Amino acid sequence: MPPTDSLVTGTADSEDTLDLQLPADFLALRVTGEPGAGQDTGAAQNAGVGAVQNAEAAQGVEAVQDSSPVWGTVLPLLGGDLLDQVAEWGPTTTAAGEFQLRPVRLDRDLPLISQWMNDPAVAAFWELAGPADVTEAHLAAQLTGDGRSVPCLGVLDGTPMSYWELYRADLDPLARHYPARPHDTGLHLLLGDVADRGRGVGSILLRAVADLVLDRRPACTRVVAEPDVRNVPSLAAFLNAGFRFSAEVDLPGKRAALMLRDRSLRSLL
């Protein structure tokens, strides 16, 4: 549950994580199946990701302390994430223009994201103001992690204009605070340009990204967000984007509104 809100909000607290129980065949792949001479790397990737998906379907998820580096090493090795390859989702057409999520690359994107984090309106919630290495540490924790959280730039008509975090809410500490379902997908949003705030762009993009998640992640039945209850503009943006208010939950550092966009209701809201 890294940020505390989803339009201009967040915290850098990501100290605790949930994890999956790894099946024995997946651990065997970790030990003996690393790509080498004569091995089909693509087959190894497919086998590993398939094992993860099968394990989730058969066992669900378990809230445990992260006591092993296995996920942090296996998922990068397999070239995957736990969000069905966000990098391959492609663009989508919205009322604001053509939009695409582009996974963050530190060497290319850090200066811009750090600049946004130093906007006082953003810093009040994300708490990442200061030198670029503050933002770098926040991004690196996700980029070198196990793939359960993917930081992205939102690119509108070719121009980077927003920062997003897509994450597996069912594998996040957030899951301890609501009845999570397997593959629940959470999101956070920061609109970088002040000119894009307060004129409906946030709602348009929230709906577009939620629909992308539901289209590209067949196992996901709902998209989750947890904006601060005091952030009325953010709550309105989510409601306008087809999310529904589910409950108020007490999270570390804030009282949040649990917002859900359901696959079953997407054509009605």
Protein backbone atom coordinates (compact mmCIF):
# COMPACT_ATOMS: atom_id res chain seq x y z
CA MET A 1 0.00 0.00 0.00
CA PRO A 2 2.73 2.48 -0.96
CA PRO A 3 0.95 5.80 -1.60
CA THR A 4 -1.91 7.09 0.53
CA ASP A 5 -4.00 8.36 -2.34
CA SER A 6 -4.40 8.19 -6.07
CA LEU A 7 -4.64 11.61 -7.71
CA VAL A 8 -2.03 13.73 -6.00
CA THR A 9 -1.36 11.56 -3.00
CA GLY A 10 0.75 8.90 -1.32
CA THR A 11 3.37 7.89 1.25
CA ALA A 12 6.66 6.11 0.81
CA ASP A 13 5.79 3.41 3.36
CA SER A 14 6.28 -0.01 1.84
CA GLU A 15 8.03 -1.72 4.74
CA ASP A 16 5.85 -4.80 4.96
CA THR A 17 4.70 -7.18 2.27
CA LEU A 18 2.56 -10.21 1.70
CA ASP A 19 3.82 -13.20 -0.19
CA LEU A 20 2.69 -16.32 -1.99
CA GLN A 21 3.59 -19.87 -1.04
CA LEU A 22 5.83 -21.17 -3.78
CA PRO A 23 5.18 -24.65 -5.16
CA ALA A 24 8.02 -27.14 -5.13
CA ASP A 25 8.32 -27.28 -8.91
CA PHE A 26 8.75 -23.52 -9.05
CA LEU A 27 11.51 -23.64 -6.44
CA ALA A 28 13.17 -26.37 -8.48
CA LEU A 29 13.10 -24.06 -11.49
CA ARG A 30 14.78 -21.39 -9.36
CA VAL A 31 17.61 -23.76 -8.42
CA THR A 32 18.16 -25.77 -11.59
CA GLY A 33 16.24 -24.10 -14.39
CA GLU A 34 18.15 -20.89 -14.93
CA PRO A 35 18.62 -20.25 -18.61
CA GLY A 36 21.95 -21.55 -19.82
CA ALA A 37 23.64 -23.08 -22.83
CA GLY A 38 21.17 -25.06 -24.90
CA GLN A 39 18.14 -24.08 -22.75
CA ASP A 40 15.03 -22.46 -24.20
CA THR A 41 14.71 -19.21 -22.23
CA GLY A 42 11.17 -18.63 -23.46
CA ALA A 43 10.11 -22.07 -22.28
CA ALA A 44 11.62 -21.37 -18.87
CA GLN A 45 9.70 -18.11 -18.65
CA ASN A 46 6.43 -19.73 -19.60
CA ALA A 47 6.93 -22.60 -17.18
CA GLY A 48 7.76 -20.27 -14.30
CA VAL A 49 4.92 -17.85 -14.85
CA GLY A 50 2.51 -20.72 -15.39
CA ALA A 51 3.59 -22.28 -12.11
CA VAL A 52 2.91 -19.01 -10.31
CA GLN A 53 -0.55 -18.69 -11.84
CA ASN A 54 -1.41 -22.31 -11.10
CA ALA A 55 -0.22 -21.94 -7.53
CA GLU A 56 -2.38 -18.88 -7.03
CA ALA A 57 -5.43 -20.54 -8.50
CA ALA A 58 -4.98 -23.66 -6.39
CA GLN A 59 -3.86 -22.10 -3.11
CA GLY A 60 -4.95 -18.46 -3.13
CA VAL A 61 -2.69 -16.08 -1.21
CA GLU A 62 -1.41 -16.14 2.34
CA ALA A 63 -0.54 -13.17 4.51
CA VAL A 64 2.98 -13.85 5.76
CA GLN A 65 6.11 -11.89 6.45
CA ASP A 66 8.45 -11.71 3.47
CA SER A 67 11.27 -13.91 4.76
CA SER A 68 12.82 -15.12 1.51
CA PRO A 69 14.59 -13.45 -1.43
CA VAL A 70 13.17 -16.02 -3.85
CA TRP A 71 10.53 -13.80 -5.45
CA GLY A 72 12.94 -10.91 -5.78
CA THR A 73 15.32 -13.04 -7.79
CA VAL A 74 13.03 -15.41 -9.70
CA LEU A 75 10.61 -12.95 -11.26
CA PRO A 76 13.32 -10.70 -12.76
CA LEU A 77 15.07 -13.87 -13.98
CA LEU A 78 11.91 -14.99 -15.73
CA GLY A 79 11.45 -11.55 -17.28
CA GLY A 80 7.94 -11.20 -15.84
CA ASP A 81 5.81 -9.33 -13.38
CA LEU A 82 2.75 -10.34 -11.39
CA LEU A 83 0.53 -7.99 -13.39
CA ASP A 84 0.46 -9.75 -16.76
CA GLN A 85 3.18 -7.77 -18.51
CA VAL A 86 2.11 -4.13 -18.23
CA ALA A 87 4.80 -3.18 -20.75
CA GLU A 88 2.90 -5.08 -23.44
CA TRP A 89 -0.56 -3.62 -22.83
CA GLY A 90 -0.29 -1.04 -25.59
CA PRO A 91 -2.15 2.25 -26.07
CA THR A 92 -5.83 2.97 -25.59
CA THR A 93 -8.01 5.73 -27.01
CA THR A 94 -9.66 8.08 -24.50
CA ALA A 95 -11.65 11.29 -24.64
CA ALA A 96 -8.44 13.11 -23.67
CA GLY A 97 -6.33 11.50 -26.41
CA GLU A 98 -4.27 8.36 -26.98
CA PHE A 99 -2.98 7.10 -23.66
CA GLN A 100 -0.40 4.47 -22.76
CA LEU A 101 1.26 3.20 -19.60
CA ARG A 102 5.04 3.07 -20.00
CA PRO A 103 6.93 1.22 -17.22
CA VAL A 104 9.43 3.51 -15.53
CA ARG A 105 13.10 3.42 -16.46
CA LEU A 106 15.24 5.21 -13.89
CA ASP A 107 17.85 6.55 -16.30
CA ARG A 108 15.16 8.12 -18.46
CA ASP A 109 12.32 9.04 -16.11
CA LEU A 110 13.75 9.89 -12.68
CA PRO A 111 14.29 13.64 -13.25
CA LEU A 112 10.69 14.20 -14.34
CA ILE A 113 9.11 12.10 -11.60
CA SER A 114 11.31 13.72 -8.94
CA GLN A 115 10.26 17.14 -10.23
CA TRP A 116 6.59 16.18 -9.82
CA MET A 117 7.22 14.85 -6.31
CA ASN A 118 8.57 18.27 -5.31
CA ASP A 119 5.33 20.00 -6.23
CA PRO A 120 3.97 21.07 -2.80
CA ALA A 121 0.48 19.76 -3.62
CA VAL A 122 1.99 16.35 -4.41
CA ALA A 123 4.56 16.30 -1.63
CA ALA A 124 1.86 16.81 1.01
CA PHE A 125 0.63 13.28 0.33
CA TRP A 126 3.39 11.31 -1.40
CA GLU A 127 6.08 12.53 1.03
CA LEU A 128 8.83 12.11 -1.56
CA ALA A 129 10.00 15.71 -1.84
CA GLY A 130 13.71 16.44 -1.72
CA PRO A 131 16.73 15.32 -3.76
CA ALA A 132 16.19 12.93 -6.65
CA ASP A 133 17.61 10.04 -4.64
CA VAL A 134 14.51 10.12 -2.40
CA THR A 135 12.29 9.37 -5.38
CA GLU A 136 14.90 7.00 -6.78
CA ALA A 137 14.77 4.84 -3.65
CA HIS A 138 10.96 4.67 -3.86
CA LEU A 139 11.07 3.61 -7.50
CA ALA A 140 13.99 1.20 -7.10
CA ALA A 141 12.17 -0.70 -4.38
CA GLN A 142 9.53 -1.58 -6.96
CA LEU A 143 11.81 -2.04 -9.95
CA THR A 144 14.07 -4.49 -8.11
CA GLY A 145 11.19 -6.24 -6.35
CA ASP A 146 9.22 -9.33 -7.26
CA GLY A 147 6.91 -7.76 -9.82
CA ARG A 148 3.89 -7.17 -7.61
CA SER A 149 4.12 -3.39 -8.12
CA VAL A 150 4.91 -1.73 -11.45
CA PRO A 151 5.63 2.03 -11.56
CA CYS A 152 4.67 3.65 -14.87
CA LEU A 153 4.58 6.96 -16.65
CA GLY A 154 1.24 7.84 -18.20
CA VAL A 155 1.88 9.10 -21.73
CA LEU A 156 -0.91 11.13 -23.35
CA ASP A 157 -0.58 11.85 -27.07
CA GLY A 158 3.15 11.18 -26.80
CA THR A 159 3.76 13.38 -23.74
CA PRO A 160 4.53 11.97 -20.27
CA MET A 161 2.02 13.68 -17.97
CA SER A 162 1.25 11.37 -15.05
CA TYR A 163 2.80 8.81 -12.72
CA TRP A 164 1.05 5.53 -11.91
CA GLU A 165 1.63 2.58 -9.65
CA LEU A 166 -0.20 -0.63 -10.51
CA TYR A 167 0.09 -3.24 -7.81
CA ARG A 168 -1.31 -6.56 -6.68
CA ALA A 169 -3.61 -5.41 -3.89
CA ASP A 170 -4.14 -9.01 -2.80
CA LEU A 171 -0.39 -9.34 -2.15
CA ASP A 172 -0.05 -5.92 -0.48
CA PRO A 173 -0.43 -4.97 3.20
CA LEU A 174 -3.71 -3.35 2.09
CA ALA A 175 -5.15 -6.88 1.93
CA ARG A 176 -5.06 -7.01 5.72
CA HIS A 177 -7.62 -4.22 5.87
CA TYR A 178 -10.34 -5.44 3.53
CA PRO A 179 -11.70 -8.78 2.19
CA ALA A 180 -9.26 -9.12 -0.69
CA ARG A 181 -9.85 -11.43 -3.63
CA PRO A 182 -7.12 -13.16 -5.64
CA HIS A 183 -5.72 -10.87 -8.34
CA ASP A 184 -7.30 -7.68 -7.00
CA THR A 185 -5.31 -4.93 -8.74
CA GLY A 186 -4.66 -1.61 -7.04
CA LEU A 187 -3.65 1.69 -8.56
CA HIS A 188 -2.30 5.09 -7.55
CA LEU A 189 -2.20 8.15 -9.77
CA LEU A 190 -0.33 11.42 -9.76
CA LEU A 191 -1.14 14.06 -12.37
CA GLY A 192 2.12 15.87 -13.00
CA ASP A 193 0.91 19.00 -14.75
CA VAL A 194 -1.20 21.40 -12.68
CA ALA A 195 -3.13 22.25 -15.86
CA ASP A 196 -4.42 18.66 -16.00
CA ARG A 197 -5.92 18.82 -12.53
CA GLY A 198 -9.49 19.78 -11.81
CA ARG A 199 -10.81 19.51 -15.36
CA GLY A 200 -11.82 15.87 -15.61
CA VAL A 201 -8.62 14.39 -17.02
CA GLY A 202 -8.08 12.32 -13.89
CA SER A 203 -11.49 10.65 -14.20
CA ILE A 204 -10.96 9.91 -17.88
CA LEU A 205 -7.60 8.27 -17.27
CA LEU A 206 -8.73 6.39 -14.15
CA ARG A 207 -11.53 4.81 -16.14
CA ALA A 208 -9.20 4.04 -19.04
CA VAL A 209 -6.56 2.40 -16.85
CA ALA A 210 -9.13 0.43 -14.85
CA ASP A 211 -10.56 -0.86 -18.13
CA LEU A 212 -7.06 -1.73 -19.34
CA VAL A 213 -6.50 -3.75 -16.17
CA LEU A 214 -9.77 -5.64 -16.61
CA ASP A 215 -9.10 -6.24 -20.31
CA ARG A 216 -5.46 -7.34 -19.93
CA ARG A 217 -5.81 -9.26 -16.66
CA PRO A 218 -8.57 -11.87 -17.15
CA ALA A 219 -8.12 -13.25 -13.64
CA CYS A 220 -8.74 -9.84 -12.07
CA THR A 221 -12.39 -9.22 -11.15
CA ARG A 222 -11.99 -5.73 -9.71
CA VAL A 223 -9.68 -2.74 -9.51
CA VAL A 224 -9.03 -1.26 -6.05
CA ALA A 225 -8.04 2.19 -4.82
CA GLU A 226 -7.78 3.71 -1.34
CA PRO A 227 -7.78 7.54 -1.48
CA ASP A 228 -7.74 9.55 1.73
CA VAL A 229 -11.31 10.30 2.83
CA ARG A 230 -10.36 13.97 3.16
CA ASN A 231 -9.43 14.24 -0.50
CA VAL A 232 -12.84 15.13 -1.89
CA PRO A 233 -11.64 15.87 -5.46
CA SER A 234 -9.99 12.44 -5.58
CA LEU A 235 -13.14 10.70 -4.35
CA ALA A 236 -15.20 12.51 -6.97
CA ALA A 237 -12.76 11.53 -9.70
CA PHE A 238 -13.02 7.86 -8.79
CA LEU A 239 -16.81 7.97 -8.69
CA ASN A 240 -16.87 9.67 -12.09
CA ALA A 241 -14.53 6.97 -13.40
CA GLY A 242 -16.97 4.17 -12.57
CA PHE A 243 -15.63 3.19 -9.16
CA ARG A 244 -18.02 2.63 -6.27
CA PHE A 245 -17.47 3.45 -2.62
CA SER A 246 -17.23 0.25 -0.59
CA ALA A 247 -16.13 1.19 2.94
CA GLU A 248 -13.91 3.36 5.07
CA VAL A 249 -10.78 1.62 6.33
CA ASP A 250 -8.09 2.66 8.78
CA LEU A 251 -4.68 2.36 7.15
CA PRO A 252 -1.29 3.37 8.53
CA GLY A 253 -1.23 7.16 8.37
CA LYS A 254 -4.73 7.76 7.06
CA ARG A 255 -8.38 6.86 6.97
CA ALA A 256 -9.12 5.71 3.44
CA ALA A 257 -12.14 5.29 1.24
CA LEU A 258 -12.04 1.85 -0.34
CA MET A 259 -13.06 2.35 -3.97
CA LEU A 260 -13.80 -0.58 -6.29
CA ARG A 261 -14.37 -0.89 -10.01
CA ASP A 262 -15.99 -4.26 -10.61
CA ARG A 263 -15.75 -6.23 -13.82
CA SER A 264 -19.40 -7.23 -13.40
CA LEU A 265 -20.55 -3.60 -13.11
CA ARG A 266 -18.22 -1.90 -15.60
CA SER A 267 -20.95 -1.53 -18.24
CA LEU A 268 -23.31 0.08 -15.71
CA LEU A 269 -21.05 2.63 -14.00
